[in-house]
Protein backbone atom coordinates (compact mmCIF):
# COMPACT_ATOMS: atom_id res chain seq x y z
CA MET A 1 18.97 31.84 7.13
CA ALA A 2 16.52 30.33 10.21
CA THR A 3 20.01 28.99 11.09
CA LEU A 4 21.89 31.90 11.24
CA LEU A 5 19.46 33.53 13.04
CA THR A 6 19.32 30.93 15.94
CA PHE A 7 22.21 30.74 16.37
CA GLY A 8 22.17 34.70 16.54
CA THR A 9 19.75 34.50 19.09
CA MET A 10 21.28 31.82 21.07
CA LEU A 11 24.84 34.00 21.40
CA MET A 12 23.09 37.11 22.67
CA LEU A 13 21.30 34.18 25.32
CA ASN A 14 24.39 33.16 26.29
CA ALA A 15 27.27 33.36 24.84
CA ARG A 16 29.54 30.90 26.52
CA MET A 17 27.33 27.97 26.72
CA THR A 18 26.95 28.88 23.07
CA LEU A 19 30.48 28.80 22.11
CA ALA A 20 30.52 25.72 24.56
CA ILE A 21 28.40 23.64 22.06
CA LEU A 22 29.87 25.30 18.70
CA PRO A 23 33.06 22.41 18.56
CA LEU A 24 29.33 19.81 18.74
CA ALA A 25 28.82 20.66 15.04
CA PRO A 26 32.15 19.91 13.29
CA VAL A 27 31.87 15.67 14.59
CA PHE A 28 28.21 15.73 12.93
CA PHE A 29 30.14 16.99 10.03
CA LEU A 30 33.13 14.25 10.76
CA ALA A 31 30.47 11.62 11.29
CA ARG A 32 28.44 12.06 8.16
CA LYS A 33 31.50 12.20 5.70
CA HIS A 34 33.03 9.54 7.61
CA PHE A 35 29.98 7.07 6.81
CA ARG A 36 29.28 8.71 3.34
CA ASP A 37 31.96 6.39 1.22
CA ARG A 38 29.94 3.65 2.86
CA LEU A 39 27.07 4.67 1.58
CA GLU A 40 28.19 5.01 -1.84
CA VAL A 41 30.05 1.95 -2.14
CA ASP A 42 27.05 0.03 0.01
CA SER A 43 23.87 1.53 -2.55
CA ASP A 44 26.07 0.85 -5.83
CA THR A 45 26.45 -3.01 -4.07
CA VAL A 46 23.26 -3.33 -3.87
CA GLN A 47 22.31 -1.86 -7.36
CA GLN A 48 24.95 -3.50 -9.40
CA ASN A 49 23.39 -7.27 -6.92
CA GLN A 50 19.90 -6.36 -7.69
CA ILE A 51 20.78 -5.99 -11.53
CA ALA A 52 22.93 -9.76 -11.57
CA TRP A 53 19.37 -10.81 -9.96
CA SER A 54 16.61 -9.40 -12.38
CA SER A 55 19.70 -10.40 -14.91
CA PHE A 56 19.45 -13.95 -14.51
CA LEU A 57 15.97 -14.26 -13.77
CA GLN A 58 15.32 -12.47 -16.99
CA GLU A 59 17.56 -14.78 -18.78
CA HIS A 60 16.40 -18.64 -16.92
CA LEU A 61 12.74 -17.40 -17.45
CA SER A 62 13.23 -17.18 -20.83
CA SER A 63 15.23 -20.18 -21.47
CA ILE A 64 13.35 -22.73 -18.69
CA VAL A 65 12.45 -24.72 -21.85
CA ALA A 66 16.25 -25.50 -22.27
CA VAL A 67 16.62 -25.84 -18.64
CA GLN A 68 13.77 -28.37 -17.87
CA LEU A 69 15.36 -30.55 -21.17
CA LEU A 70 18.91 -30.66 -19.74
CA ARG A 71 17.57 -31.56 -16.61
CA GLN A 72 19.39 -28.36 -14.98
CA GLU A 73 16.29 -27.71 -12.39
CA ARG A 74 18.23 -27.85 -8.92
CA ARG A 75 21.32 -26.57 -10.27
CA GLN A 76 19.76 -23.46 -11.64
CA GLU A 77 17.53 -23.04 -8.86
CA ARG A 78 20.75 -23.45 -6.79
CA ALA A 79 22.27 -20.54 -8.56
CA ALA A 80 19.68 -18.30 -8.36
CA PHE A 81 19.29 -18.32 -4.59
CA ARG A 82 23.10 -17.94 -4.45
CA HIS A 83 22.12 -14.61 -6.68
CA LEU A 84 19.26 -13.79 -4.75
CA GLY A 85 21.00 -14.46 -1.36
CA THR A 86 23.78 -11.83 -2.67
CA SER A 87 21.44 -9.16 -2.89
CA VAL A 88 19.86 -9.40 0.42
CA ARG A 89 22.96 -9.64 2.51
CA SER A 90 23.83 -6.05 0.47
CA LEU A 91 20.95 -4.71 1.62
CA ASN A 92 21.55 -5.96 4.95
CA ARG A 93 24.94 -4.14 5.14
CA LEU A 94 23.66 -1.32 3.45
CA PHE A 95 20.68 -1.02 6.77
CA ARG A 96 23.44 -2.05 9.23
CA THR A 97 25.41 1.52 7.35
CA GLY A 98 22.16 3.79 7.40
CA ILE A 99 21.51 2.64 10.91
CA SER A 100 25.08 3.49 11.88
CA PHE A 101 25.33 6.81 10.09
CA THR A 102 22.04 7.84 12.25
CA PHE A 103 23.17 6.78 15.37
CA TYR A 104 26.58 8.41 14.96
CA THR A 105 24.76 11.99 13.69
CA SER A 106 21.89 11.29 16.75
CA LEU A 107 24.80 10.94 19.45
CA THR A 108 26.57 14.19 18.57
CA ILE A 109 22.93 15.89 18.57
CA GLY A 110 22.00 14.23 22.03
CA GLY A 111 25.69 15.66 23.10
CA ALA A 112 24.73 18.57 22.17
CA MET A 113 21.75 18.70 24.34
CA SER A 114 23.01 17.15 27.76
CA ALA A 115 25.75 19.79 27.79
CA VAL A 116 23.30 22.30 27.10
CA ILE A 117 20.83 20.87 30.07
CA GLY A 118 24.30 20.00 32.43
CA TYR A 119 25.88 23.41 32.13
CA GLY A 120 23.00 25.25 32.03
CA GLY A 121 21.59 23.15 34.93
CA TRP A 122 24.55 24.25 36.87
CA SER A 123 24.51 27.44 35.38
CA VAL A 124 20.74 27.85 37.28
CA LEU A 125 21.36 26.74 40.15
CA THR A 126 24.97 29.07 40.40
CA GLY A 127 22.47 32.00 39.58
CA ALA A 128 23.80 33.08 36.66
CA MET A 129 21.14 31.80 34.90
CA THR A 130 17.44 31.94 35.07
CA VAL A 131 15.22 28.50 34.51
CA GLY A 132 13.00 30.73 31.55
CA GLY A 133 16.48 31.81 30.17
CA LEU A 134 17.38 27.73 30.26
CA VAL A 135 14.09 26.26 28.99
CA ALA A 136 14.68 29.17 25.65
CA PHE A 137 18.12 28.23 25.48
CA TYR A 138 17.36 24.58 25.19
CA ALA A 139 14.38 25.02 22.77
CA TYR A 140 16.97 26.97 19.88
CA VAL A 141 19.28 23.96 20.45
CA THR A 142 16.30 21.92 19.33
CA GLN A 143 15.56 24.26 16.87
CA LEU A 144 19.81 24.43 15.24
CA PHE A 145 19.86 20.22 15.48
CA GLU A 146 17.10 19.46 14.40
CA PRO A 147 17.45 20.51 10.35
CA LEU A 148 20.65 18.72 10.69
CA SER A 149 18.86 15.69 11.72
CA GLY A 150 15.90 15.51 9.36
CA ALA A 151 19.00 15.48 6.71
CA ALA A 152 20.71 13.34 7.67
CA GLU A 153 17.65 11.21 7.86
CA THR A 154 16.89 12.44 4.28
CA TYR A 155 21.31 11.61 3.10
CA VAL A 156 20.75 7.79 3.90
CA ARG A 157 17.24 7.63 2.02
CA ALA A 158 19.29 9.73 -0.90
CA GLN A 159 21.92 7.71 -1.53
CA LYS A 160 20.05 4.59 -2.38
CA ALA A 161 18.28 7.14 -5.10
CA PHE A 162 21.95 8.28 -5.81
CA ALA A 163 23.35 5.01 -7.01
CA SER A 164 20.70 4.48 -8.98
CA ILE A 165 21.25 7.90 -10.19
CA ARG A 166 25.19 7.28 -11.01
CA ILE A 167 24.33 3.68 -13.07
CA VAL A 168 21.80 5.77 -14.82
CA GLN A 169 25.11 8.85 -15.65
CA ALA A 170 26.97 5.86 -16.13
CA VAL A 171 24.95 4.36 -19.11
CA LEU A 172 24.25 7.85 -20.21
CA ALA A 173 27.90 9.15 -20.48
CA LEU A 174 29.25 5.94 -23.18
CA GLN A 175 30.12 7.24 -26.59
CA PRO A 176 29.24 5.87 -29.85
CA THR A 177 32.48 4.22 -31.26
CA ILE A 178 30.84 4.02 -34.75
CA THR A 179 30.26 7.73 -35.79
CA ASN A 180 29.80 10.08 -38.78
CA CYS A 181 32.79 11.87 -39.91
CA PRO A 182 32.05 15.04 -40.97
CA ALA A 183 31.78 14.97 -43.70
CA VAL A 184 29.43 11.48 -44.93
CA ILE A 185 27.42 11.54 -48.13
CA LYS A 186 23.96 9.61 -48.82
CA PHE A 187 24.34 5.69 -50.27
CA PRO A 188 25.14 6.31 -53.68
CA GLN A 189 22.50 4.47 -55.82
CA LYS A 190 23.22 5.85 -59.72
CA ARG A 191 26.03 3.28 -59.27
CA PRO A 192 26.76 -0.33 -59.38
CA TRP A 193 26.33 -1.70 -56.05
CA THR A 194 30.01 -3.58 -55.73
CA ILE A 195 31.28 -4.36 -52.17
CA GLU A 196 35.33 -5.08 -52.14
CA LEU A 197 37.25 -5.32 -49.26
CA VAL A 198 40.74 -4.88 -49.34
CA ASP A 199 43.10 -5.70 -46.68
CA VAL A 200 40.62 -5.93 -43.77
CA SER A 201 41.76 -6.61 -40.71
CA PHE A 202 39.60 -7.39 -37.38
CA GLY A 203 40.00 -8.38 -33.81
CA TYR A 204 37.19 -8.28 -31.30
CA PRO A 205 39.27 -7.04 -27.88
CA ARG A 206 40.99 -9.48 -25.44
CA ASN A 207 40.46 -12.12 -28.44
CA ARG A 208 43.01 -13.67 -30.15
CA GLY A 209 41.64 -14.30 -33.56
CA ILE A 210 41.63 -12.25 -35.68
CA LEU A 211 39.76 -11.99 -38.99
CA SER A 212 42.20 -11.09 -42.12
CA ILE A 213 40.84 -10.88 -45.54
CA PRO A 214 43.75 -9.53 -48.64
CA TYR A 215 40.97 -9.03 -51.19
CA LEU A 216 37.39 -9.78 -51.67
CA ASN A 217 35.12 -8.13 -54.42
CA ILE A 218 31.18 -8.91 -55.09
CA ARG A 219 29.61 -7.68 -58.15
CA ALA A 220 26.76 -6.40 -58.65
CA GLY A 221 23.92 -9.34 -59.00
CA GLU A 222 26.34 -11.54 -57.59
CA HIS A 223 26.08 -14.36 -55.11
CA VAL A 224 28.57 -15.01 -53.12
CA ALA A 225 28.25 -17.83 -50.14
CA VAL A 226 31.58 -17.89 -47.35
CA VAL A 227 31.61 -21.08 -45.52
CA GLY A 228 33.90 -22.41 -42.87
CA GLU A 229 33.76 -23.44 -38.53
CA ASN A 230 32.12 -21.75 -36.00
CA GLY A 231 34.52 -18.67 -35.08
CA ALA A 232 35.97 -18.36 -38.59
CA GLY A 233 34.39 -14.59 -38.67
CA LYS A 234 30.91 -15.20 -41.34
CA SER A 235 29.10 -12.88 -38.90
CA THR A 236 31.68 -10.50 -38.16
CA LEU A 237 32.08 -10.01 -42.12
CA ALA A 238 28.60 -9.28 -42.55
CA LYS A 239 28.89 -6.93 -39.41
CA LEU A 240 31.65 -5.17 -41.45
CA MET A 241 30.04 -3.94 -44.20
CA ALA A 242 26.63 -3.13 -42.16
CA ARG A 243 29.55 -0.65 -40.36
CA LEU A 244 28.54 -2.15 -37.05
CA TYR A 245 31.95 -2.32 -36.21
CA ASP A 246 35.16 -0.61 -38.01
CA ALA A 247 37.84 -2.40 -39.43
CA ASP A 248 40.88 -2.09 -37.61
CA SER A 249 42.83 -2.01 -41.42
CA GLY A 250 42.55 -2.34 -45.09
CA SER A 251 38.72 -0.54 -46.35
CA ILE A 252 35.71 -1.50 -46.98
CA THR A 253 33.72 -0.31 -50.46
CA VAL A 254 30.22 0.11 -51.99
CA ALA A 255 29.16 1.51 -54.82
CA GLY A 256 32.58 2.87 -55.20
CA HIS A 257 32.27 4.42 -51.58
CA ASP A 258 34.00 3.30 -48.16
CA VAL A 259 31.33 2.83 -45.65
CA ARG A 260 32.99 5.00 -43.25
CA LYS A 261 32.37 7.85 -45.76
CA ILE A 262 28.74 6.76 -46.30
CA GLU A 263 26.15 7.97 -43.76
CA ILE A 264 25.08 5.10 -41.39
CA GLU A 265 21.47 5.51 -41.22
CA SER A 266 21.89 6.16 -44.79
CA LEU A 267 24.59 2.56 -45.70
CA ARG A 268 22.26 0.87 -42.99
CA GLU A 269 18.93 1.24 -45.08
CA HIS A 270 20.56 -0.30 -47.98
CA VAL A 271 22.69 -2.55 -45.73
CA CYS A 272 21.51 -5.17 -43.76
CA TYR A 273 22.68 -7.89 -41.22
CA ALA A 274 20.41 -10.61 -40.05
CA PRO A 275 21.88 -12.12 -37.36
CA PRO A 276 21.17 -16.30 -36.56
CA HIS A 277 18.98 -15.44 -33.45
CA PRO A 278 16.65 -12.86 -34.45
CA ILE A 279 14.92 -10.41 -32.36
CA LEU A 280 11.15 -10.08 -32.01
CA PHE A 281 9.15 -6.87 -29.88
CA ASP A 282 6.05 -8.32 -27.37
CA THR A 283 4.21 -6.19 -30.39
CA THR A 284 1.99 -7.35 -33.54
CA LEU A 285 3.79 -8.94 -36.27
CA ALA A 286 2.56 -5.86 -38.64
CA ALA A 287 4.98 -3.75 -36.54
CA ASN A 288 7.86 -6.18 -35.94
CA LEU A 289 7.62 -5.57 -40.01
CA ARG A 290 7.43 -2.39 -40.05
CA LEU A 291 10.70 -1.50 -37.34
CA GLY A 292 12.90 -1.05 -40.74
CA ASN A 293 11.02 0.79 -42.95
CA VAL A 294 7.08 2.57 -41.04
CA THR A 295 5.82 3.37 -44.21
CA ALA A 296 5.55 0.07 -45.37
CA SER A 297 1.78 0.19 -46.78
CA ASP A 298 -0.88 -3.27 -45.72
CA ALA A 299 -0.14 -3.86 -49.09
CA ASP A 300 3.52 -4.16 -48.92
CA LEU A 301 3.39 -6.53 -46.06
CA LYS A 302 0.85 -9.10 -47.82
CA GLU A 303 3.37 -8.88 -50.21
CA VAL A 304 5.61 -9.74 -48.05
CA VAL A 305 4.06 -12.71 -46.58
CA GLU A 306 3.39 -14.24 -49.49
CA HIS A 307 6.69 -14.01 -50.98
CA VAL A 308 8.14 -15.81 -47.84
CA GLY A 309 5.39 -18.75 -48.18
CA LEU A 310 3.50 -17.35 -44.12
CA THR A 311 0.35 -15.91 -45.76
CA ALA A 312 -1.64 -19.92 -44.77
CA TRP A 313 -0.07 -19.51 -41.33
CA VAL A 314 -0.88 -16.14 -40.78
CA ALA A 315 -4.85 -16.54 -42.40
CA THR A 316 -4.54 -18.52 -39.33
CA LEU A 317 -3.95 -16.67 -36.64
CA HIS A 318 -6.32 -14.81 -34.57
CA GLY A 319 -6.53 -11.10 -36.38
CA GLY A 320 -3.58 -12.50 -38.77
CA LEU A 321 -0.41 -9.36 -39.13
CA ASN A 322 -2.53 -7.59 -35.90
CA HIS A 323 -1.35 -10.77 -33.92
CA ARG A 324 1.19 -10.22 -31.08
CA ALA A 325 4.12 -11.98 -31.41
CA GLY A 326 4.67 -11.69 -27.75
CA PRO A 327 7.68 -11.76 -25.31
CA GLY A 328 10.94 -12.34 -27.86
CA GLY A 329 8.17 -13.45 -30.02
CA SER A 330 7.41 -16.87 -28.04
CA ARG A 331 3.95 -17.48 -30.02
CA LEU A 332 6.62 -18.00 -33.76
CA SER A 333 9.09 -20.84 -34.47
CA GLY A 334 12.43 -20.57 -35.16
CA GLY A 335 11.56 -20.70 -38.74
CA GLN A 336 9.32 -18.00 -38.60
CA LYS A 337 11.22 -15.12 -36.47
CA GLN A 338 14.08 -15.69 -38.55
CA THR A 339 11.79 -14.82 -41.74
CA SER A 340 10.03 -12.16 -40.07
CA TRP A 341 13.01 -10.76 -38.53
CA ALA A 342 14.68 -11.07 -41.67
CA ARG A 343 12.62 -8.98 -43.96
CA GLU A 344 12.11 -6.03 -41.23
CA SER A 345 15.07 -3.98 -42.99
CA ASN A 346 12.11 -3.22 -45.51
CA PRO A 347 9.20 -5.24 -46.44
CA ALA A 348 8.25 -3.64 -49.50
CA ALA A 349 11.53 -3.92 -51.27
CA ALA A 350 12.26 -7.33 -49.79
CA SER A 351 9.65 -8.90 -52.29
CA HIS A 352 12.00 -9.35 -54.93
CA PRO A 353 15.58 -9.83 -55.29
CA ASP A 354 16.12 -7.07 -57.89
CA SER A 355 13.98 -4.72 -56.01
CA GLY A 356 17.75 -2.22 -55.85
CA ARG A 357 19.10 -3.14 -52.28
CA SER A 358 22.00 -4.78 -50.94
CA HIS A 359 20.63 -7.64 -48.40
CA VAL A 360 23.92 -8.71 -45.94
CA PHE A 361 22.28 -12.70 -43.80
CA ALA A 362 24.89 -13.92 -41.82
CA ARG A 363 24.19 -17.53 -40.14
CA ARG A 364 26.79 -20.68 -40.60
CA ARG A 365 27.24 -19.66 -43.62
CA PHE A 366 27.52 -16.15 -45.42
CA ARG A 367 25.15 -14.78 -48.71
CA ALA A 368 25.79 -11.63 -49.39
CA THR A 369 23.74 -10.27 -52.68
CA VAL A 370 24.14 -6.89 -54.34
CA THR A 371 21.82 -5.99 -56.85
CA ARG A 372 21.64 -2.89 -58.81
């Protein structure tokens, strides 16, 4: 409204001069449009390079011992400088684009001011306009273009924030590939927990290897070991049972029901996959153990610790189960991390093999325990 009122007042003061500077407004918007795509691209590039730099730091700082043991400090240091240099160069490009955008938009505004002073000065000399009218008109021109100048500066700064927003929007737009079907059921606990795979095939995208299982039946109470070379599909088999992936063809049934027709949360409450590299969070041991069962009592946790043979070790810790595991479980040994993580699915039920749950573990060999 202020812009419209200012423009109307300028028309009343001097219509000819107003119409003379009016074509400069489209020039301003054309300059904005010209640099808009460059600002978006450069802002996105800055975000991507900063993400790559942060990922590199996180990965290498958590693996610093391996880097030192392999005597690769110098090489990885050079890689770090390459990542950092790429990030700095993208920041410089964004800075130069922002400066160019501000310069050309300001040039438009400066052109309008020059036109007013030149044409207005000539009008004053010829007597077509008074000095007071020129001063008033100039003030209105300043008021007209000042918001545009501020908007240009704000736009440059906003593009940096928009780049982050676009990344967040891209993440939020992702949809899970594993979802519940319209008519799902709870995990059938009143039937024998038999696992059966029929004509199952699965392949990862961009991977020539295909896991093929013509038939596999694991009856309730059986202990079955599946062994094979690295990449044979042992872990993939366990992930298919826990429905971290869906088979490309065939069927996987647990307790007589296809896993795709069982509610995902209910299925994973009873079928657990323990990866070869356990994940622990920087919180207490008790909180890590309760990730899979938040209602587990202190007595349940103590029973689990005793069952896995960590009672004496926990007793040596300051605070016992309230001792923090550290980032990535760095205060625990590899075996202790695996033991702790494997029991997260249900600390109370894990203390006895006949507790009524199916636990699927996959490491270098695969072991499935199905109990009724």
